[in-house]
Protein backbone atom coordinates (compact mmCIF):
# COMPACT_ATOMS: atom_id res chain seq x y z
CA MET A 1 50.73 -9.62 56.26
CA GLN A 2 48.30 -11.86 58.07
CA ARG A 3 45.17 -10.23 59.45
CA ARG A 4 44.04 -12.05 62.59
CA ARG A 5 40.75 -12.10 64.49
CA TRP A 6 41.04 -13.74 67.91
CA HIS A 7 38.08 -15.57 69.46
CA GLU A 8 38.73 -16.76 73.01
CA PHE A 9 36.55 -19.37 74.72
CA ASP A 10 36.22 -20.33 78.36
CA GLY A 11 36.75 -24.02 77.71
CA ARG A 12 37.39 -26.61 75.07
CA SER A 13 33.73 -27.61 74.74
CA ASP A 14 32.71 -24.00 74.04
CA LEU A 15 35.39 -23.78 71.36
CA GLU A 16 34.22 -27.03 69.77
CA ARG A 17 30.56 -25.95 69.68
CA ALA A 18 31.47 -22.60 68.14
CA ALA A 19 33.68 -24.26 65.55
CA ALA A 20 31.00 -26.76 64.51
CA SER A 21 28.48 -23.94 64.19
CA ALA A 22 30.90 -21.85 62.10
CA ILE A 23 31.53 -24.77 59.75
CA VAL A 24 27.81 -25.38 59.18
CA THR A 25 27.23 -21.65 58.61
CA SER A 26 30.06 -21.56 56.07
CA ALA A 27 28.56 -24.58 54.30
CA GLN A 28 25.10 -23.03 54.17
CA ARG A 29 26.50 -19.84 52.67
CA ALA A 30 28.61 -21.63 50.06
CA ILE A 31 25.80 -23.96 49.00
CA ALA A 32 23.35 -21.06 48.71
CA GLU A 33 25.78 -18.94 46.68
CA ARG A 34 27.64 -21.52 44.59
CA GLY A 35 25.82 -24.84 44.97
CA ALA A 36 28.76 -26.64 46.62
CA PHE A 37 30.96 -26.47 49.70
CA HIS A 38 34.70 -27.19 49.46
CA ILE A 39 36.34 -27.63 52.86
CA VAL A 40 39.90 -28.51 53.88
CA LEU A 41 40.11 -30.52 57.11
CA ALA A 42 42.72 -30.23 59.84
CA GLY A 43 44.21 -33.26 61.52
CA GLY A 44 45.47 -33.85 65.02
CA THR A 45 43.44 -34.19 68.21
CA THR A 46 41.82 -30.76 68.53
CA PRO A 47 39.25 -31.12 65.69
CA ARG A 48 38.08 -34.64 66.58
CA ASN A 49 35.11 -33.60 68.74
CA VAL A 50 34.22 -30.87 66.25
CA TYR A 51 33.93 -33.53 63.56
CA ARG A 52 31.83 -35.73 65.84
CA ALA A 53 29.45 -32.83 66.43
CA LEU A 54 28.98 -32.43 62.67
CA ARG A 55 27.37 -35.87 62.42
CA THR A 56 24.02 -34.36 63.45
CA ALA A 57 24.28 -31.17 61.38
CA THR A 58 21.31 -30.20 59.23
CA THR A 59 22.84 -29.66 55.81
CA ASP A 60 22.86 -30.91 52.23
CA TRP A 61 25.67 -33.46 52.49
CA SER A 62 25.52 -34.11 48.74
CA ALA A 63 27.04 -30.64 48.20
CA TRP A 64 30.06 -31.16 50.47
CA HIS A 65 33.54 -31.76 49.01
CA ILE A 66 36.24 -32.81 51.49
CA TYR A 67 39.98 -32.15 51.16
CA PHE A 68 42.85 -32.43 53.65
CA GLY A 69 45.50 -29.90 54.62
CA ASP A 70 48.17 -32.53 55.28
CA GLU A 71 48.74 -36.22 55.81
CA ARG A 72 51.20 -38.66 57.32
CA CYS A 73 52.80 -41.18 54.97
CA LEU A 74 51.20 -44.24 56.52
CA PRO A 75 48.83 -46.96 55.23
CA PRO A 76 45.31 -45.66 54.48
CA ALA A 77 43.67 -47.37 57.49
CA ASP A 78 46.33 -46.36 60.01
CA PRO A 79 44.53 -44.55 62.86
CA GLN A 80 47.29 -41.90 62.90
CA ARG A 81 46.23 -40.73 59.45
CA ASN A 82 44.18 -37.55 59.37
CA SER A 83 41.81 -39.09 56.84
CA ALA A 84 41.26 -42.15 59.05
CA MET A 85 40.49 -39.96 62.07
CA ALA A 86 38.03 -37.80 60.13
CA SER A 87 36.36 -40.88 58.65
CA SER A 88 35.82 -42.62 61.98
CA ALA A 89 34.77 -39.45 63.81
CA TRP A 90 32.45 -38.09 61.13
CA LEU A 91 32.68 -38.86 57.43
CA ASP A 92 31.63 -42.51 57.66
CA GLN A 93 28.47 -41.42 59.49
CA VAL A 94 27.05 -38.97 56.93
CA ALA A 95 25.90 -39.09 53.32
CA ILE A 96 28.73 -37.27 51.56
CA PRO A 97 29.25 -39.09 48.23
CA GLY A 98 32.50 -41.06 48.32
CA ARG A 99 33.74 -39.47 45.10
CA GLN A 100 33.60 -36.09 46.89
CA ILE A 101 35.98 -37.11 49.66
CA HIS A 102 39.57 -36.54 48.55
CA PRO A 103 42.16 -38.07 50.90
CA ILE A 104 45.84 -37.46 50.23
CA PRO A 105 47.36 -40.71 48.81
CA ALA A 106 50.27 -40.43 51.25
CA GLN A 107 50.81 -44.19 51.26
CA LEU A 108 52.53 -43.66 47.87
CA GLY A 109 55.38 -41.74 49.52
CA PRO A 110 55.76 -37.96 49.89
CA GLU A 111 56.91 -37.00 46.38
CA LYS A 112 54.43 -39.09 44.40
CA ALA A 113 51.58 -38.27 46.77
CA ALA A 114 52.29 -34.54 46.58
CA HIS A 115 52.26 -34.67 42.79
CA ARG A 116 49.01 -36.65 42.70
CA TYR A 117 47.27 -34.42 45.21
CA ALA A 118 48.31 -31.26 43.39
CA GLN A 119 46.50 -32.66 40.36
CA GLU A 120 43.48 -33.52 42.51
CA VAL A 121 43.27 -30.02 43.96
CA ALA A 122 43.73 -28.46 40.52
CA ARG A 123 40.64 -30.32 39.30
CA MET A 124 38.51 -28.56 41.93
CA ASN A 125 36.67 -26.01 39.79
CA GLY A 126 39.89 -25.20 37.98
CA GLY A 127 41.85 -24.79 41.20
CA SER A 128 39.57 -22.09 42.59
CA ASP A 129 39.49 -20.96 46.21
CA PHE A 130 38.43 -23.32 48.97
CA ASP A 131 35.33 -22.18 50.84
CA LEU A 132 36.77 -23.01 54.26
CA VAL A 133 40.18 -24.17 55.49
CA LEU A 134 40.51 -25.59 59.00
CA LEU A 135 43.95 -25.56 60.59
CA GLY A 136 45.56 -26.28 63.93
CA LEU A 137 48.63 -25.02 65.74
CA GLY A 138 51.51 -27.08 67.10
CA GLU A 139 53.61 -26.27 70.14
CA ASP A 140 56.41 -25.14 67.80
CA GLY A 141 54.08 -22.92 65.78
CA HIS A 142 53.62 -25.35 62.91
CA THR A 143 50.35 -25.74 61.06
CA ALA A 144 49.37 -28.57 58.71
CA SER A 145 52.80 -30.22 58.19
CA LEU A 146 54.59 -26.91 57.75
CA PHE A 147 57.26 -27.11 60.44
CA PRO A 148 59.69 -24.31 61.34
CA GLY A 149 63.30 -24.45 60.22
CA GLN A 150 62.66 -26.38 57.02
CA ALA A 151 63.40 -25.61 53.39
CA TRP A 152 59.90 -24.45 52.50
CA GLU A 153 60.32 -21.33 54.67
CA SER A 154 63.07 -19.90 52.44
CA ALA A 155 61.75 -21.08 49.07
CA ILE A 156 60.94 -18.32 46.60
CA THR A 157 58.14 -20.32 45.03
CA LEU A 158 56.41 -23.46 46.20
CA PRO A 159 54.16 -25.99 44.48
CA PRO A 160 50.58 -26.18 45.76
CA VAL A 161 51.38 -29.43 47.59
CA ILE A 162 54.69 -30.05 49.36
CA ALA A 163 56.53 -33.32 49.98
CA VAL A 164 57.82 -33.30 53.57
CA LEU A 165 60.80 -35.61 54.05
CA ASP A 166 62.12 -34.78 57.50
CA ALA A 167 59.37 -33.62 59.83
CA PRO A 168 60.63 -33.26 63.41
CA LYS A 169 57.61 -35.21 64.68
CA PRO A 170 57.00 -38.84 63.68
CA PRO A 171 56.43 -39.96 61.07
CA PRO A 172 59.06 -37.84 59.28
CA GLN A 173 57.54 -38.33 55.82
CA ARG A 174 54.39 -36.31 55.20
CA VAL A 175 52.50 -34.34 52.58
CA SER A 176 51.16 -30.82 53.09
CA LEU A 177 49.34 -28.16 51.16
CA SER A 178 51.61 -25.14 50.79
CA PRO A 179 50.98 -21.84 52.58
CA GLU A 180 49.96 -20.28 49.27
CA ARG A 181 47.40 -22.98 48.49
CA LEU A 182 46.00 -22.94 52.01
CA SER A 183 45.67 -19.18 51.67
CA LYS A 184 43.48 -19.54 48.57
CA ALA A 185 40.36 -19.67 50.69
CA ARG A 186 37.29 -17.59 51.36
CA GLN A 187 37.58 -18.37 55.08
CA VAL A 188 40.32 -19.81 57.30
CA ILE A 189 39.72 -20.93 60.88
CA PHE A 190 42.47 -22.07 63.25
CA LEU A 191 41.35 -24.36 66.09
CA VAL A 192 43.75 -24.07 69.03
CA ASN A 193 43.37 -25.78 72.37
CA GLY A 194 45.79 -23.83 74.53
CA THR A 195 47.39 -26.65 76.49
CA GLY A 196 51.14 -26.58 75.81
CA LYS A 197 50.81 -23.92 73.13
CA HIS A 198 51.13 -20.72 75.13
CA GLU A 199 54.59 -19.89 73.80
CA ALA A 200 53.50 -20.35 70.18
CA LEU A 201 50.37 -18.27 70.81
CA ARG A 202 52.43 -15.52 72.44
CA ASP A 203 54.84 -15.43 69.50
CA TRP A 204 51.93 -15.37 67.07
CA ARG A 205 50.21 -12.50 68.88
CA ASN A 206 53.51 -10.61 68.95
CA GLY A 207 53.96 -10.91 65.19
CA GLU A 208 56.77 -13.45 65.20
CA PRO A 209 57.10 -15.30 61.85
CA ILE A 210 55.88 -18.72 62.99
CA PRO A 211 54.63 -21.08 60.24
CA ALA A 212 50.97 -20.37 61.09
CA SER A 213 51.54 -16.70 60.24
CA ARG A 214 52.28 -17.65 56.63
CA ILE A 215 48.61 -18.40 55.93
CA THR A 216 47.39 -15.11 54.48
CA PRO A 217 43.97 -15.27 52.80
CA ASP A 218 42.55 -11.98 51.56
CA GLY A 219 39.84 -12.07 54.22
CA GLY A 220 42.22 -12.70 57.12
CA VAL A 221 42.06 -15.62 59.54
CA ASP A 222 39.87 -16.43 62.54
CA ILE A 223 41.60 -18.05 65.50
CA PHE A 224 39.39 -20.00 67.90
CA VAL A 225 41.45 -20.49 71.02
CA ASN A 226 40.97 -21.94 74.48
CA PRO A 227 43.89 -20.39 76.35
CA SER A 228 43.33 -22.21 79.62
CA PRO A 229 45.75 -25.09 80.24
CA ASN A 230 43.26 -26.69 82.65
CA SER A 231 40.25 -26.98 80.33
């Protein structure tokens, strides 16, 4: 079962400020306790301004290690790639060592990229828990590239990284961390701007088995949501 803590904000800018603050706080705690901060980034449009706000954060960038929850199978510089968005909005502007930024090699195709990224994630302190996982929510309830009605939902076991061959949104070929691997985290925060997502949010609140509900870390999940469609 997923334990959920809902945090509602009056507007998108309030949500973004709170999210940036929560990320920096998580980093400070991880660096103080373990000497490093391992974060999984969300893609899409909602986190972009959060990433921009992090440019001016006061933190030890040399201790940050960046991973991605999913990626589109497109060339590395394609602006639709999650890694390209995060780089232009934030990562290119701060002093995180390049060897500590781990994009998904989705340009290799879904199967090969999933295999390679599973190896990459396994090398992270022996495949230990992430410190923080950021996720979004789609209008159909998907998170990362875990879409409803696909084979992963009925699989008994899943690898840590999944090859997605037929996503209902373009491009159809993608790579995604599995629900189990995303759940191996000390903290999980969903960033949800409410426009167009009211039905998915209603189903989630009512306990419907949408893909986002499959992320079940031991500590539960925090959901930062701006429910107003006009913000």
